[in-house]
Amino acid sequence: MKLAGSEAARFLARPDPAFAGALLYGPDPMRTSLRRQALVEALIGPGGADEMRLTRIPAAELRRDPAAAQDAMRASGFFPGARAVLVEDATDAAAAALLAAVEDWRPGDATLVVAAGDLRAASALRKGFEAAKRAVAIAIHADPPGRAEVETMLARAGIVRPEGDAFGDLEALARALDPGDFAQFLEKLAVYRLGEAGPPSQADIEAVAPAAAEAATEEILHLAADGRVDALARAMASVGGGSSAATGLVIAAGRHFRALHAAACAPDGPDAALARARPPVFGPRRTRMASQARRLGRQRLEEALALITDADLALRSSRPPPGLALAERLLVRIAAMKRT
């Protein structure tokens, strides 16, 4: 049986014990691995592997012993509870043995979980699972996780689902990060909020999310975009590192003000544009940058980008001027720009 969309998501979250097995396949090994891990946990519980209710069989072993999967599915476990047999990296070479195991399945046997790479429509393994009445085939596409999948991952990490903008930030981060990185982010968020009740706030998400820039440099750029000339001068006084620090500051300024320019030009407003950014901008930082985009406007931001380009070229010239002085003059000029 072939499953897709919401039907596939429901099966992965709550697999039917009356099914003999499931084939998960797709082009992205990380995404397939995460779905396989979720399915096995849903079948046998989080402690199933420790209780030896999970049997792993390399697909290559089925070439030497085609009955290995059948024997493992039929075997009795020492601990009570549901059991699963996992075969990873499966190819069409193992199709006959795996389909025979599915056909031979009886109630009370372990459930067969097969993980494979990208299988074509003509694949014997894929066609066999799609045609089987007691097995399912699920394609794992390289698409960002949807709302339901993000909610499932939150529940698995023990995080209460937030509402409103905070959940929107999580969805944006799920689209921007690789699946494994997003799963690690949720683990960090759970540890960060250990002992706290309720859902995470936007500030919590921002605190744990991968940093877009080094904190001191980012604050200097915010001061310039906010138009706070006096505070900017004091912040620049603490910057050290010579020409390398100046070059890094100018490069970071280019990234920051390009993001502001894109936000200012967006037809649906700066907030929506910053949420779509890669990486996305979260919480208070997004509010601050949206305000900066509105303050400066498209014309002033284009002027700022021209100044940044000139400064970058000057630093790369054969006879560059003093770097930190040039960077400070650049940012002060930007901070002194009037609202459009």
C-alpha atoms as a PDB file:
ATOM      1  CA  MET A   1       0.000   0.000   0.000  1.00  0.00           C
ATOM      2  CA  LYS A   2       1.313   3.419  -0.961  1.00  0.00           C
ATOM      3  CA  LEU A   3       0.871   6.208   1.598  1.00  0.00           C
ATOM      4  CA  ALA A   4       1.537   9.916   1.177  1.00  0.00           C
ATOM      5  CA  GLY A   5       0.727  13.245   2.793  1.00  0.00           C
ATOM      6  CA  SER A   6      -1.432  13.210   5.912  1.00  0.00           C
ATOM      7  CA  GLU A   7      -2.005   9.447   5.691  1.00  0.00           C
ATOM      8  CA  ALA A   8       1.755   8.837   5.797  1.00  0.00           C
ATOM      9  CA  ALA A   9       2.166  11.261   8.704  1.00  0.00           C
ATOM     10  CA  ARG A  10      -0.576   9.494  10.681  1.00  0.00           C
ATOM     11  CA  PHE A  11       0.961   6.082  10.044  1.00  0.00           C
ATOM     12  CA  LEU A  12       4.438   7.216  11.099  1.00  0.00           C
ATOM     13  CA  ALA A  13       3.047   8.712  14.318  1.00  0.00           C
ATOM     14  CA  ARG A  14       0.606   5.858  15.134  1.00  0.00           C
ATOM     15  CA  PRO A  15       1.438   2.761  13.061  1.00  0.00           C
ATOM     16  CA  ASP A  16      -1.271   0.128  12.707  1.00  0.00           C
ATOM     17  CA  PRO A  17      -0.119  -3.051  14.528  1.00  0.00           C
ATOM     18  CA  ALA A  18      -2.042  -5.120  11.969  1.00  0.00           C
ATOM     19  CA  PHE A  19       0.523  -4.224   9.294  1.00  0.00           C
ATOM     20  CA  ALA A  20       3.510  -6.473   8.701  1.00  0.00           C
ATOM     21  CA  GLY A  21       5.971  -3.808   7.658  1.00  0.00           C
ATOM     22  CA  ALA A  22       6.834  -0.437   6.202  1.00  0.00           C
ATOM     23  CA  LEU A  23       9.299   0.731   3.568  1.00  0.00           C
ATOM     24  CA  LEU A  24      10.675   4.268   3.929  1.00  0.00           C
ATOM     25  CA  TYR A  25      12.699   5.568   1.011  1.00  0.00           C
ATOM     26  CA  GLY A  26      13.947   8.898  -0.302  1.00  0.00           C
ATOM     27  CA  PRO A  27      16.894  10.908  -1.634  1.00  0.00           C
ATOM     28  CA  ASP A  28      17.927  12.464   1.700  1.00  0.00           C
ATOM     29  CA  PRO A  29      19.452   9.884   4.115  1.00  0.00           C
ATOM     30  CA  MET A  30      19.050  12.210   7.110  1.00  0.00           C
ATOM     31  CA  ARG A  31      15.346  12.782   6.541  1.00  0.00           C
ATOM     32  CA  THR A  32      14.744   9.078   5.952  1.00  0.00           C
ATOM     33  CA  SER A  33      16.713   8.210   9.089  1.00  0.00           C
ATOM     34  CA  LEU A  34      14.697  10.610  11.235  1.00  0.00           C
ATOM     35  CA  ARG A  35      11.371   9.224   9.962  1.00  0.00           C
ATOM     36  CA  ARG A  36      12.629   5.672  10.454  1.00  0.00           C
ATOM     37  CA  GLN A  37      13.676   6.506  14.003  1.00  0.00           C
ATOM     38  CA  ALA A  38      10.258   8.024  14.752  1.00  0.00           C
ATOM     39  CA  LEU A  39       8.446   4.999  13.324  1.00  0.00           C
ATOM     40  CA  VAL A  40      10.502   2.484  15.328  1.00  0.00           C
ATOM     41  CA  GLU A  41       9.913   4.488  18.513  1.00  0.00           C
ATOM     42  CA  ALA A  42       6.186   4.620  17.789  1.00  0.00           C
ATOM     43  CA  LEU A  43       6.164   0.835  17.325  1.00  0.00           C
ATOM     44  CA  ILE A  44       8.163  -0.310  20.358  1.00  0.00           C
ATOM     45  CA  GLY A  45       8.365   2.760  22.586  1.00  0.00           C
ATOM     46  CA  PRO A  46      11.402   4.811  23.650  1.00  0.00           C
ATOM     47  CA  GLY A  47      12.821   1.954  25.756  1.00  0.00           C
ATOM     48  CA  GLY A  48      12.250  -0.807  23.236  1.00  0.00           C
ATOM     49  CA  ALA A  49      15.830  -0.970  21.995  1.00  0.00           C
ATOM     50  CA  ASP A  50      17.203  -1.201  25.554  1.00  0.00           C
ATOM     51  CA  GLU A  51      14.805  -4.093  26.221  1.00  0.00           C
ATOM     52  CA  MET A  52      16.150  -5.910  23.150  1.00  0.00           C
ATOM     53  CA  ARG A  53      12.826  -5.618  21.315  1.00  0.00           C
ATOM     54  CA  LEU A  54      14.588  -4.176  18.253  1.00  0.00           C
ATOM     55  CA  THR A  55      16.607  -6.387  15.909  1.00  0.00           C
ATOM     56  CA  ARG A  56      18.885  -4.726  13.344  1.00  0.00           C
ATOM     57  CA  ILE A  57      19.822  -6.609  10.190  1.00  0.00           C
ATOM     58  CA  PRO A  58      22.167  -5.148   7.539  1.00  0.00           C
ATOM     59  CA  ALA A  59      20.618  -5.492   4.096  1.00  0.00           C
ATOM     60  CA  ALA A  60      23.801  -7.146   2.839  1.00  0.00           C
ATOM     61  CA  GLU A  61      23.284 -10.011   5.308  1.00  0.00           C
ATOM     62  CA  LEU A  62      20.091 -11.008   3.505  1.00  0.00           C
ATOM     63  CA  ARG A  63      22.178 -12.026   0.486  1.00  0.00           C
ATOM     64  CA  ARG A  64      23.885 -14.725   2.565  1.00  0.00           C
ATOM     65  CA  ASP A  65      20.831 -15.595   4.641  1.00  0.00           C
ATOM     66  CA  PRO A  66      17.563 -14.669   2.875  1.00  0.00           C
ATOM     67  CA  ALA A  67      15.513 -16.048   5.789  1.00  0.00           C
ATOM     68  CA  ALA A  68      17.188 -13.819   8.407  1.00  0.00           C
ATOM     69  CA  ALA A  69      14.384 -11.237   8.406  1.00  0.00           C
ATOM     70  CA  GLN A  70      11.664 -13.904   8.634  1.00  0.00           C
ATOM     71  CA  ASP A  71      13.446 -15.654  11.503  1.00  0.00           C
ATOM     72  CA  ALA A  72      13.937 -12.410  13.403  1.00  0.00           C
ATOM     73  CA  MET A  73      10.284 -11.417  12.979  1.00  0.00           C
ATOM     74  CA  ARG A  74       9.074 -14.804  14.208  1.00  0.00           C
ATOM     75  CA  ALA A  75      11.487 -15.067  17.171  1.00  0.00           C
ATOM     76  CA  SER A  76      10.198 -14.523  20.712  1.00  0.00           C
ATOM     77  CA  GLY A  77      11.643 -11.693  22.771  1.00  0.00           C
ATOM     78  CA  PHE A  78      12.845 -11.960  26.372  1.00  0.00           C
ATOM     79  CA  PHE A  79      10.889  -8.829  27.405  1.00  0.00           C
ATOM     80  CA  PRO A  80       7.150  -8.447  26.772  1.00  0.00           C
ATOM     81  CA  GLY A  81       5.918  -5.851  24.319  1.00  0.00           C
ATOM     82  CA  ALA A  82       5.861  -5.036  20.637  1.00  0.00           C
ATOM     83  CA  ARG A  83       8.963  -5.865  18.606  1.00  0.00           C
ATOM     84  CA  ALA A  84      10.481  -4.517  15.397  1.00  0.00           C
ATOM     85  CA  VAL A  85      13.050  -5.713  12.879  1.00  0.00           C
ATOM     86  CA  LEU A  86      15.007  -2.937  11.156  1.00  0.00           C
ATOM     87  CA  VAL A  87      16.749  -3.374   7.805  1.00  0.00           C
ATOM     88  CA  GLU A  88      18.715  -0.329   6.633  1.00  0.00           C
ATOM     89  CA  ASP A  89      20.303   0.584   3.295  1.00  0.00           C
ATOM     90  CA  ALA A  90      18.045  -1.865   1.487  1.00  0.00           C
ATOM     91  CA  THR A  91      18.176  -2.231  -2.296  1.00  0.00           C
ATOM     92  CA  ASP A  92      16.387  -4.328  -4.878  1.00  0.00           C
ATOM     93  CA  ALA A  93      18.873  -7.114  -4.162  1.00  0.00           C
ATOM     94  CA  ALA A  94      17.051  -7.699  -0.863  1.00  0.00           C
ATOM     95  CA  ALA A  95      13.548  -7.313  -2.324  1.00  0.00           C
ATOM     96  CA  ALA A  96      12.738 -11.039  -2.560  1.00  0.00           C
ATOM     97  CA  ALA A  97      13.794 -11.790   1.023  1.00  0.00           C
ATOM     98  CA  LEU A  98      11.967  -8.770   2.470  1.00  0.00           C
ATOM     99  CA  LEU A  99       8.753  -9.345   0.545  1.00  0.00           C
ATOM    100  CA  ALA A 100       8.801 -12.995   1.602  1.00  0.00           C
ATOM    101  CA  ALA A 101       9.072 -11.873   5.232  1.00  0.00           C
ATOM    102  CA  VAL A 102       6.067  -9.585   4.762  1.00  0.00           C
ATOM    103  CA  GLU A 103       4.045 -12.389   3.148  1.00  0.00           C
ATOM    104  CA  ASP A 104       4.954 -14.805   5.950  1.00  0.00           C
ATOM    105  CA  TRP A 105       3.982 -12.379   8.739  1.00  0.00           C
ATOM    106  CA  ARG A 106       1.449 -13.491  11.354  1.00  0.00           C
ATOM    107  CA  PRO A 107      -0.213 -11.551  14.207  1.00  0.00           C
ATOM    108  CA  GLY A 108       2.215 -11.380  17.130  1.00  0.00           C
ATOM    109  CA  ASP A 109       5.295 -11.276  14.895  1.00  0.00           C
ATOM    110  CA  ALA A 110       7.636  -8.297  14.914  1.00  0.00           C
ATOM    111  CA  THR A 111       6.977  -5.447  12.507  1.00  0.00           C
ATOM    112  CA  LEU A 112       9.460  -5.075   9.649  1.00  0.00           C
ATOM    113  CA  VAL A 113      10.852  -1.573   9.058  1.00  0.00           C
ATOM    114  CA  VAL A 114      12.917  -1.122   5.891  1.00  0.00           C
ATOM    115  CA  ALA A 115      14.904   2.037   5.101  1.00  0.00           C
ATOM    116  CA  ALA A 116      16.214   2.625   1.585  1.00  0.00           C
ATOM    117  CA  GLY A 117      17.627   5.338  -0.616  1.00  0.00           C
ATOM    118  CA  ASP A 118      15.908   6.944  -3.578  1.00  0.00           C
ATOM    119  CA  LEU A 119      13.964   4.172  -5.346  1.00  0.00           C
ATOM    120  CA  ARG A 120      12.609   4.542  -8.869  1.00  0.00           C
ATOM    121  CA  ALA A 121       9.030   3.654  -9.731  1.00  0.00           C
ATOM    122  CA  ALA A 122      10.251   0.442 -11.384  1.00  0.00           C
ATOM    123  CA  SER A 123      12.119  -0.691  -8.248  1.00  0.00           C
ATOM    124  CA  ALA A 124      11.155  -4.228  -7.279  1.00  0.00           C
ATOM    125  CA  LEU A 125      11.377  -3.349  -3.590  1.00  0.00           C
ATOM    126  CA  ARG A 126       9.173  -0.290  -3.944  1.00  0.00           C
ATOM    127  CA  LYS A 127       6.622  -2.011  -6.222  1.00  0.00           C
ATOM    128  CA  GLY A 128       6.424  -4.988  -3.888  1.00  0.00           C
ATOM    129  CA  PHE A 129       5.646  -2.930  -0.790  1.00  0.00           C
ATOM    130  CA  GLU A 130       3.175  -0.745  -2.702  1.00  0.00           C
ATOM    131  CA  ALA A 131       1.320  -3.851  -3.899  1.00  0.00           C
ATOM    132  CA  ALA A 132       1.344  -5.651  -0.549  1.00  0.00           C
ATOM    133  CA  LYS A 133      -1.915  -5.562   1.415  1.00  0.00           C
ATOM    134  CA  ARG A 134      -0.235  -5.769   4.808  1.00  0.00           C
ATOM    135  CA  ALA A 135       2.666  -3.389   4.193  1.00  0.00           C
ATOM    136  CA  VAL A 136       3.097   0.271   3.337  1.00  0.00           C
ATOM    137  CA  ALA A 137       5.571   2.223   1.202  1.00  0.00           C
ATOM    138  CA  ILE A 138       6.225   5.854   2.134  1.00  0.00           C
ATOM    139  CA  ALA A 139       8.357   8.235   0.080  1.00  0.00           C
ATOM    140  CA  ILE A 140      10.330  10.667   2.238  1.00  0.00           C
ATOM    141  CA  HIS A 141      10.715  13.796   0.144  1.00  0.00           C
ATOM    142  CA  ALA A 142      13.405  16.432   0.661  1.00  0.00           C
ATOM    143  CA  ASP A 143      10.766  19.017   1.563  1.00  0.00           C
ATOM    144  CA  PRO A 144      10.813  21.173   4.709  1.00  0.00           C
ATOM    145  CA  PRO A 145       8.708  19.722   7.530  1.00  0.00           C
ATOM    146  CA  GLY A 146       5.112  20.893   7.634  1.00  0.00           C
ATOM    147  CA  ARG A 147       3.175  22.192  10.624  1.00  0.00           C
ATOM    148  CA  ALA A 148       2.024  18.730  11.710  1.00  0.00           C
ATOM    149  CA  GLU A 149       5.572  17.354  11.557  1.00  0.00           C
ATOM    150  CA  VAL A 150       6.955  20.271  13.586  1.00  0.00           C
ATOM    151  CA  GLU A 151       4.251  19.634  16.190  1.00  0.00           C
ATOM    152  CA  THR A 152       5.216  15.955  16.309  1.00  0.00           C
ATOM    153  CA  MET A 153       8.894  16.804  16.775  1.00  0.00           C
ATOM    154  CA  LEU A 154       8.011  19.235  19.573  1.00  0.00           C
ATOM    155  CA  ALA A 155       6.004  16.560  21.361  1.00  0.00           C
ATOM    156  CA  ARG A 156       8.844  14.057  20.971  1.00  0.00           C
ATOM    157  CA  ALA A 157      11.264  16.565  22.512  1.00  0.00           C
ATOM    158  CA  GLY A 158       8.860  17.213  25.407  1.00  0.00           C
ATOM    159  CA  ILE A 159       8.248  20.843  24.442  1.00  0.00           C
ATOM    160  CA  VAL A 160       4.811  22.399  24.816  1.00  0.00           C
ATOM    161  CA  ARG A 161       3.595  23.787  21.486  1.00  0.00           C
ATOM    162  CA  PRO A 162       3.733  27.600  21.513  1.00  0.00           C
ATOM    163  CA  GLU A 163       1.158  29.769  19.795  1.00  0.00           C
ATOM    164  CA  GLY A 164       1.326  32.750  17.447  1.00  0.00           C
ATOM    165  CA  ASP A 165       4.652  34.229  16.425  1.00  0.00           C
ATOM    166  CA  ALA A 166       6.693  31.830  18.558  1.00  0.00           C
ATOM    167  CA  PHE A 167       5.394  28.827  16.626  1.00  0.00           C
ATOM    168  CA  GLY A 168       5.939  30.742  13.387  1.00  0.00           C
ATOM    169  CA  ASP A 169       9.583  31.178  14.400  1.00  0.00           C
ATOM    170  CA  LEU A 170       9.895  27.422  14.915  1.00  0.00           C
ATOM    171  CA  GLU A 171       8.374  26.721  11.502  1.00  0.00           C
ATOM    172  CA  ALA A 172      10.782  29.188   9.885  1.00  0.00           C
ATOM    173  CA  LEU A 173      13.741  27.573  11.623  1.00  0.00           C
ATOM    174  CA  ALA A 174      12.567  24.108  10.528  1.00  0.00           C
ATOM    175  CA  ARG A 175      12.575  25.333   6.917  1.00  0.00           C
ATOM    176  CA  ALA A 176      16.035  26.889   7.229  1.00  0.00           C
ATOM    177  CA  LEU A 177      17.906  24.081   9.004  1.00  0.00           C
ATOM    178  CA  ASP A 178      18.690  20.537   7.942  1.00  0.00           C
ATOM    179  CA  PRO A 179      16.414  18.018   9.703  1.00  0.00           C
ATOM    180  CA  GLY A 180      19.193  16.765  11.947  1.00  0.00           C
ATOM    181  CA  ASP A 181      20.205  20.300  12.927  1.00  0.00           C
ATOM    182  CA  PHE A 182      16.590  21.199  13.709  1.00  0.00           C
ATOM    183  CA  ALA A 183      16.234  18.082  15.884  1.00  0.00           C
ATOM    184  CA  GLN A 184      19.405  19.078  17.766  1.00  0.00           C
ATOM    185  CA  PHE A 185      18.027  22.611  18.170  1.00  0.00           C
ATOM    186  CA  LEU A 186      14.858  21.210  19.784  1.00  0.00           C
ATOM    187  CA  GLU A 187      16.977  19.116  22.161  1.00  0.00           C
ATOM    188  CA  LYS A 188      18.919  22.243  23.161  1.00  0.00           C
ATOM    189  CA  LEU A 189      15.670  24.174  23.607  1.00  0.00           C
ATOM    190  CA  ALA A 190      14.280  21.436  25.859  1.00  0.00           C
ATOM    191  CA  VAL A 191      17.442  21.509  28.006  1.00  0.00           C
ATOM    192  CA  TYR A 192      17.415  25.336  28.059  1.00  0.00           C
ATOM    193  CA  ARG A 193      13.877  25.297  29.467  1.00  0.00           C
ATOM    194  CA  LEU A 194      14.408  22.366  31.826  1.00  0.00           C
ATOM    195  CA  GLY A 195      12.179  22.761  34.872  1.00  0.00           C
ATOM    196  CA  GLU A 196      10.029  25.495  33.314  1.00  0.00           C
ATOM    197  CA  ALA A 197       6.335  24.957  32.639  1.00  0.00           C
ATOM    198  CA  GLY A 198       4.443  26.176  29.600  1.00  0.00           C
ATOM    199  CA  PRO A 199       5.522  26.756  26.013  1.00  0.00           C
ATOM    200  CA  PRO A 200       8.775  28.471  24.962  1.00  0.00           C
ATOM    201  CA  SER A 201       8.687  32.189  24.182  1.00  0.00           C
ATOM    202  CA  GLN A 202      10.220  33.974  21.217  1.00  0.00           C
ATOM    203  CA  ALA A 203      13.063  35.047  23.500  1.00  0.00           C
ATOM    204  CA  ASP A 204      13.743  31.394  24.412  1.00  0.00           C
ATOM    205  CA  ILE A 205      13.859  30.392  20.732  1.00  0.00           C
ATOM    206  CA  GLU A 206      16.156  33.294  19.873  1.00  0.00           C
ATOM    207  CA  ALA A 207      18.492  32.410  22.766  1.00  0.00           C
ATOM    208  CA  VAL A 208      18.978  28.827  21.535  1.00  0.00           C
ATOM    209  CA  ALA A 209      18.777  29.367  17.748  1.00  0.00           C
ATOM    210  CA  PRO A 210      22.059  29.380  15.794  1.00  0.00           C
ATOM    211  CA  ALA A 211      23.585  32.827  16.060  1.00  0.00           C
ATOM    212  CA  ALA A 212      23.583  34.893  12.875  1.00  0.00           C
ATOM    213  CA  ALA A 213      26.627  36.921  13.892  1.00  0.00           C
ATOM    214  CA  GLU A 214      29.015  37.457  16.762  1.00  0.00           C
ATOM    215  CA  ALA A 215      27.105  39.300  19.498  1.00  0.00           C
ATOM    216  CA  ALA A 216      29.300  42.408  19.858  1.00  0.00           C
ATOM    217  CA  THR A 217      29.489  42.973  16.104  1.00  0.00           C
ATOM    218  CA  GLU A 218      25.738  42.507  15.741  1.00  0.00           C
ATOM    219  CA  GLU A 219      25.007  45.071  18.456  1.00  0.00           C
ATOM    220  CA  ILE A 220      27.232  47.630  16.707  1.00  0.00           C
ATOM    221  CA  LEU A 221      25.314  47.111  13.469  1.00  0.00           C
ATOM    222  CA  HIS A 222      22.006  47.458  15.289  1.00  0.00           C
ATOM    223  CA  LEU A 223      23.142  50.752  16.803  1.00  0.00           C
ATOM    224  CA  ALA A 224      24.080  52.062  13.353  1.00  0.00           C
ATOM    225  CA  ALA A 225      20.755  51.000  11.848  1.00  0.00           C
ATOM    226  CA  ASP A 226      18.863  52.443  14.838  1.00  0.00           C
ATOM    227  CA  GLY A 227      20.502  55.840  14.281  1.00  0.00           C
ATOM    228  CA  ARG A 228      22.138  55.931  17.736  1.00  0.00           C
ATOM    229  CA  VAL A 229      25.323  57.824  16.913  1.00  0.00           C
ATOM    230  CA  ASP A 230      26.505  58.450  20.491  1.00  0.00           C
ATOM    231  CA  ALA A 231      26.040  54.844  21.597  1.00  0.00           C
ATOM    232  CA  LEU A 232      27.715  53.645  18.395  1.00  0.00           C
ATOM    233  CA  ALA A 233      30.835  55.716  19.072  1.00  0.00           C
ATOM    234  CA  ARG A 234      31.128  54.246  22.573  1.00  0.00           C
ATOM    235  CA  ALA A 235      30.667  50.696  21.252  1.00  0.00           C
ATOM    236  CA  MET A 236      33.316  51.194  18.556  1.00  0.00           C
ATOM    237  CA  ALA A 237      35.798  52.322  21.184  1.00  0.00           C
ATOM    238  CA  SER A 238      35.829  48.794  22.609  1.00  0.00           C
ATOM    239  CA  VAL A 239      36.539  47.095  19.266  1.00  0.00           C
ATOM    240  CA  GLY A 240      40.005  45.699  18.840  1.00  0.00           C
ATOM    241  CA  GLY A 241      41.791  43.511  16.351  1.00  0.00           C
ATOM    242  CA  GLY A 242      43.057  45.984  13.786  1.00  0.00           C
ATOM    243  CA  SER A 243      42.408  45.602  10.072  1.00  0.00           C
ATOM    244  CA  SER A 244      40.999  42.071  10.343  1.00  0.00           C
ATOM    245  CA  ALA A 245      38.309  43.278  12.763  1.00  0.00           C
ATOM    246  CA  ALA A 246      37.476  46.163  10.437  1.00  0.00           C
ATOM    247  CA  THR A 247      37.151  43.858   7.435  1.00  0.00           C
ATOM    248  CA  GLY A 248      34.865  41.517   9.371  1.00  0.00           C
ATOM    249  CA  LEU A 249      32.768  44.453  10.538  1.00  0.00           C
ATOM    250  CA  VAL A 250      32.307  45.789   6.998  1.00  0.00           C
ATOM    251  CA  ILE A 251      31.405  42.322   5.662  1.00  0.00           C
ATOM    252  CA  ALA A 252      28.886  41.857   8.482  1.00  0.00           C
ATOM    253  CA  ALA A 253      27.469  45.314   7.760  1.00  0.00           C
ATOM    254  CA  GLY A 254      26.893  44.279   4.162  1.00  0.00           C
ATOM    255  CA  ARG A 255      24.902  41.225   5.261  1.00  0.00           C
ATOM    256  CA  HIS A 256      22.881  43.194   7.801  1.00  0.00           C
ATOM    257  CA  PHE A 257      21.918  46.049   5.522  1.00  0.00           C
ATOM    258  CA  ARG A 258      21.177  43.768   2.571  1.00  0.00           C
ATOM    259  CA  ALA A 259      18.712  41.973   4.826  1.00  0.00           C
ATOM    260  CA  LEU A 260      17.184  45.321   5.798  1.00  0.00           C
ATOM    261  CA  HIS A 261      16.959  46.365   2.136  1.00  0.00           C
ATOM    262  CA  ALA A 262      15.181  43.123   1.211  1.00  0.00           C
ATOM    263  CA  ALA A 263      12.794  43.651   4.122  1.00  0.00           C
ATOM    264  CA  ALA A 264      12.092  47.254   3.144  1.00  0.00           C
ATOM    265  CA  CYS A 265      11.313  46.220  -0.447  1.00  0.00           C
ATOM    266  CA  ALA A 266       8.995  43.348   0.464  1.00  0.00           C
ATOM    267  CA  PRO A 267       5.383  43.985  -0.612  1.00  0.00           C
ATOM    268  CA  ASP A 268       4.016  42.211   2.474  1.00  0.00           C
ATOM    269  CA  GLY A 269       6.128  44.202   4.927  1.00  0.00           C
ATOM    270  CA  PRO A 270       9.444  43.847   6.758  1.00  0.00           C
ATOM    271  CA  ASP A 271       8.199  41.407   9.418  1.00  0.00           C
ATOM    272  CA  ALA A 272       7.059  38.822   6.875  1.00  0.00           C
ATOM    273  CA  ALA A 273      10.219  39.263   4.811  1.00  0.00           C
ATOM    274  CA  LEU A 274      12.505  38.733   7.815  1.00  0.00           C
ATOM    275  CA  ALA A 275      10.583  35.594   8.787  1.00  0.00           C
ATOM    276  CA  ARG A 276      11.332  34.217   5.298  1.00  0.00           C
ATOM    277  CA  ALA A 277      15.021  35.114   5.462  1.00  0.00           C
ATOM    278  CA  ARG A 278      17.713  32.416   5.426  1.00  0.00           C
ATOM    279  CA  PRO A 279      18.490  32.016   8.241  1.00  0.00           C
ATOM    280  CA  PRO A 280      15.183  33.370   9.609  1.00  0.00           C
ATOM    281  CA  VAL A 281      15.180  36.259  12.085  1.00  0.00           C
ATOM    282  CA  PHE A 282      13.467  35.651  15.414  1.00  0.00           C
ATOM    283  CA  GLY A 283      11.647  37.433  18.212  1.00  0.00           C
ATOM    284  CA  PRO A 284      12.974  40.758  19.533  1.00  0.00           C
ATOM    285  CA  ARG A 285      15.726  40.804  16.910  1.00  0.00           C
ATOM    286  CA  ARG A 286      13.144  40.597  14.126  1.00  0.00           C
ATOM    287  CA  THR A 287      11.106  43.387  15.711  1.00  0.00           C
ATOM    288  CA  ARG A 288      14.212  45.560  15.919  1.00  0.00           C
ATOM    289  CA  MET A 289      15.302  44.915  12.336  1.00  0.00           C
ATOM    290  CA  ALA A 290      11.792  45.507  11.006  1.00  0.00           C
ATOM    291  CA  SER A 291      11.815  48.883  12.773  1.00  0.00           C
ATOM    292  CA  GLN A 292      15.207  49.656  11.219  1.00  0.00           C
ATOM    293  CA  ALA A 293      13.930  48.815   7.737  1.00  0.00           C
ATOM    294  CA  ARG A 294      10.963  51.141   8.226  1.00  0.00           C
ATOM    295  CA  ARG A 295      13.140  53.909   9.667  1.00  0.00           C
ATOM    296  CA  LEU A 296      15.613  53.979   6.823  1.00  0.00           C
ATOM    297  CA  GLY A 297      13.425  52.931   3.912  1.00  0.00           C
ATOM    298  CA  ARG A 298      14.505  51.632   0.537  1.00  0.00           C
ATOM    299  CA  GLN A 299      16.333  54.765  -0.701  1.00  0.00           C
ATOM    300  CA  ARG A 300      18.445  55.296   2.426  1.00  0.00           C
ATOM    301  CA  LEU A 301      19.287  51.591   2.582  1.00  0.00           C
ATOM    302  CA  GLU A 302      20.502  51.665  -1.016  1.00  0.00           C
ATOM    303  CA  GLU A 303      22.689  54.644  -0.111  1.00  0.00           C
ATOM    304  CA  ALA A 304      24.006  52.712   2.908  1.00  0.00           C
ATOM    305  CA  LEU A 305      24.844  49.706   0.749  1.00  0.00           C
ATOM    306  CA  ALA A 306      26.730  51.948  -1.662  1.00  0.00           C
ATOM    307  CA  LEU A 307      28.788  53.333   1.242  1.00  0.00           C
ATOM    308  CA  ILE A 308      29.513  49.790   2.461  1.00  0.00           C
ATOM    309  CA  THR A 309      30.668  48.735  -1.014  1.00  0.00           C
ATOM    310  CA  ASP A 310      33.022  51.738  -1.207  1.00  0.00           C
ATOM    311  CA  ALA A 311      34.456  50.908   2.228  1.00  0.00           C
ATOM    312  CA  ASP A 312      34.945  47.265   1.269  1.00  0.00           C
ATOM    313  CA  LEU A 313      36.824  48.244  -1.902  1.00  0.00           C
ATOM    314  CA  ALA A 314      38.979  50.681   0.048  1.00  0.00           C
ATOM    315  CA  LEU A 315      39.971  47.976   2.550  1.00  0.00           C
ATOM    316  CA  ARG A 316      40.906  45.646  -0.319  1.00  0.00           C
ATOM    317  CA  SER A 317      42.986  48.225  -2.191  1.00  0.00           C
ATOM    318  CA  SER A 318      46.769  48.094  -2.431  1.00  0.00           C
ATOM    319  CA  ARG A 319      47.077  50.999   0.032  1.00  0.00           C
ATOM    320  CA  PRO A 320      44.127  50.627   2.446  1.00  0.00           C
ATOM    321  CA  PRO A 321      43.387  53.390   4.974  1.00  0.00           C
ATOM    322  CA  PRO A 322      43.344  52.665   8.732  1.00  0.00           C
ATOM    323  CA  GLY A 323      40.691  49.951   8.954  1.00  0.00           C
ATOM    324  CA  LEU A 324      38.886  50.671  12.207  1.00  0.00           C
ATOM    325  CA  ALA A 325      38.745  54.404  11.502  1.00  0.00           C
ATOM    326  CA  LEU A 326      37.209  53.692   8.097  1.00  0.00           C
ATOM    327  CA  ALA A 327      34.666  51.250   9.579  1.00  0.00           C
ATOM    328  CA  GLU A 328      33.682  53.685  12.327  1.00  0.00           C
ATOM    329  CA  ARG A 329      33.264  56.560   9.853  1.00  0.00           C
ATOM    330  CA  LEU A 330      31.141  54.317   7.644  1.00  0.00           C
ATOM    331  CA  LEU A 331      28.788  53.266  10.431  1.00  0.00           C
ATOM    332  CA  VAL A 332      28.492  56.777  11.864  1.00  0.00           C
ATOM    333  CA  ARG A 333      27.484  58.088   8.422  1.00  0.00           C
ATOM    334  CA  ILE A 334      24.823  55.411   8.208  1.00  0.00           C
ATOM    335  CA  ALA A 335      23.609  56.122  11.735  1.00  0.00           C
ATOM    336  CA  ALA A 336      23.311  59.828  10.919  1.00  0.00           C
ATOM    337  CA  MET A 337      21.000  59.178   7.963  1.00  0.00           C
ATOM    338  CA  LYS A 338      17.581  60.744   8.416  1.00  0.00           C
ATOM    339  CA  ARG A 339      14.342  58.823   8.135  1.00  0.00           C
ATOM    340  CA  THR A 340      13.003  58.707   4.559  1.00  0.00           C
END
